[in-house]
C-alpha atoms as a PDB file:
ATOM      1  CA  MET A   1     124.819  46.107 110.556  1.00  0.00           C
ATOM      2  CA  GLU A   2     123.555  44.115 107.604  1.00  0.00           C
ATOM      3  CA  ALA A   3     124.505  44.499 103.937  1.00  0.00           C
ATOM      4  CA  LYS A   4     121.376  46.574 103.230  1.00  0.00           C
ATOM      5  CA  ASP A   5     122.446  49.049 105.931  1.00  0.00           C
ATOM      6  CA  TYR A   6     125.867  49.527 104.340  1.00  0.00           C
ATOM      7  CA  LEU A   7     124.283  49.977 100.905  1.00  0.00           C
ATOM      8  CA  ALA A   8     121.828  52.554 102.259  1.00  0.00           C
ATOM      9  CA  TYR A   9     124.740  54.394 103.916  1.00  0.00           C
ATOM     10  CA  ILE A  10     126.570  54.581 100.593  1.00  0.00           C
ATOM     11  CA  VAL A  11     123.490  56.155  98.972  1.00  0.00           C
ATOM     12  CA  THR A  12     122.567  58.610 101.718  1.00  0.00           C
ATOM     13  CA  GLU A  13     125.896  59.603 103.254  1.00  0.00           C
ATOM     14  CA  ILE A  14     128.514  59.079 100.537  1.00  0.00           C
ATOM     15  CA  HIS A  15     126.405  59.242  97.341  1.00  0.00           C
ATOM     16  CA  THR A  16     129.240  59.765  94.836  1.00  0.00           C
ATOM     17  CA  THR A  17     131.791  56.975  94.672  1.00  0.00           C
ATOM     18  CA  ILE A  18     134.961  56.634  92.643  1.00  0.00           C
ATOM     19  CA  VAL A  19     135.728  53.364  90.874  1.00  0.00           C
ATOM     20  CA  ALA A  20     139.107  52.651  89.328  1.00  0.00           C
ATOM     21  CA  THR A  21     140.537  50.056  86.983  1.00  0.00           C
ATOM     22  CA  VAL A  22     143.057  49.881  84.144  1.00  0.00           C
ATOM     23  CA  ASP A  23     142.376  49.857  80.411  1.00  0.00           C
ATOM     24  CA  ASP A  24     143.674  47.395  77.801  1.00  0.00           C
ATOM     25  CA  GLU A  25     147.005  49.238  77.722  1.00  0.00           C
ATOM     26  CA  GLY A  26     147.427  49.143  81.501  1.00  0.00           C
ATOM     27  CA  LEU A  27     146.630  52.822  81.965  1.00  0.00           C
ATOM     28  CA  PRO A  28     144.476  53.901  84.928  1.00  0.00           C
ATOM     29  CA  VAL A  29     140.814  54.701  84.338  1.00  0.00           C
ATOM     30  CA  THR A  30     138.558  56.214  87.002  1.00  0.00           C
ATOM     31  CA  ALA A  31     134.936  57.295  87.082  1.00  0.00           C
ATOM     32  CA  ALA A  32     132.727  59.132  89.561  1.00  0.00           C
ATOM     33  CA  ILE A  33     129.435  57.291  89.979  1.00  0.00           C
ATOM     34  CA  ASP A  34     126.340  58.727  91.682  1.00  0.00           C
ATOM     35  CA  MET A  35     124.535  56.077  93.715  1.00  0.00           C
ATOM     36  CA  MET A  36     120.826  56.844  93.510  1.00  0.00           C
ATOM     37  CA  ASP A  37     119.079  54.116  95.550  1.00  0.00           C
ATOM     38  CA  SER A  38     119.582  50.718  97.173  1.00  0.00           C
ATOM     39  CA  ASP A  39     117.687  47.603  98.176  1.00  0.00           C
ATOM     40  CA  ASP A  40     118.683  44.604 100.284  1.00  0.00           C
ATOM     41  CA  HIS A  41     121.344  43.411  97.825  1.00  0.00           C
ATOM     42  CA  SER A  42     122.316  46.091  95.307  1.00  0.00           C
ATOM     43  CA  LEU A  43     122.867  49.739  94.420  1.00  0.00           C
ATOM     44  CA  LEU A  44     121.149  51.734  91.683  1.00  0.00           C
ATOM     45  CA  HIS A  45     123.445  54.188  89.911  1.00  0.00           C
ATOM     46  CA  ARG A  46     123.150  56.740  87.129  1.00  0.00           C
ATOM     47  CA  ALA A  47     123.303  55.167  83.676  1.00  0.00           C
ATOM     48  CA  GLY A  48     126.128  57.477  82.568  1.00  0.00           C
ATOM     49  CA  ALA A  49     128.507  55.376  84.660  1.00  0.00           C
ATOM     50  CA  LEU A  50     127.788  52.201  82.707  1.00  0.00           C
ATOM     51  CA  PRO A  51     130.913  52.181  80.465  1.00  0.00           C
ATOM     52  CA  ALA A  52     133.170  52.595  83.506  1.00  0.00           C
ATOM     53  CA  LEU A  53     131.319  49.849  85.374  1.00  0.00           C
ATOM     54  CA  TRP A  54     131.660  47.426  82.430  1.00  0.00           C
ATOM     55  CA  GLN A  55     135.368  48.120  82.348  1.00  0.00           C
ATOM     56  CA  LEU A  56     135.635  47.595  86.114  1.00  0.00           C
ATOM     57  CA  TYR A  57     133.642  44.346  85.884  1.00  0.00           C
ATOM     58  CA  GLU A  58     135.845  43.060  83.082  1.00  0.00           C
ATOM     59  CA  GLY A  59     139.010  44.006  84.971  1.00  0.00           C
ATOM     60  CA  LEU A  60     137.901  42.268  88.164  1.00  0.00           C
ATOM     61  CA  SER A  61     136.326  39.166  86.641  1.00  0.00           C
ATOM     62  CA  GLY A  62     138.491  38.643  83.582  1.00  0.00           C
ATOM     63  CA  ARG A  63     135.277  38.187  81.557  1.00  0.00           C
ATOM     64  CA  SER A  64     133.616  40.414  79.036  1.00  0.00           C
ATOM     65  CA  GLY A  65     130.580  42.203  80.452  1.00  0.00           C
ATOM     66  CA  THR A  66     128.783  42.056  77.116  1.00  0.00           C
ATOM     67  CA  GLU A  67     129.239  38.276  77.013  1.00  0.00           C
ATOM     68  CA  GLU A  68     127.825  38.029  80.525  1.00  0.00           C
ATOM     69  CA  VAL A  69     124.756  40.089  79.605  1.00  0.00           C
ATOM     70  CA  ARG A  70     124.098  37.879  76.587  1.00  0.00           C
ATOM     71  CA  GLN A  71     124.358  34.759  78.751  1.00  0.00           C
ATOM     72  CA  ASN A  72     122.100  36.099  81.507  1.00  0.00           C
ATOM     73  CA  GLY A  73     119.824  38.384  79.533  1.00  0.00           C
END
């Protein structure tokens, strides 16, 4: 299977995923995210999940998501 096959499986078979991270105080934060579509390299999700995804991105990368958007956008 290729990456696009796994992404399509997430959309069609799993659909709702749970992401987890910790906040600035070290407390757990989770969010349910509906995956709406996929292409060869990425997933499309509902916009309501955006705050949780920024927090997850910042927790994993150690960088601010808003800084990254400004640099790339």
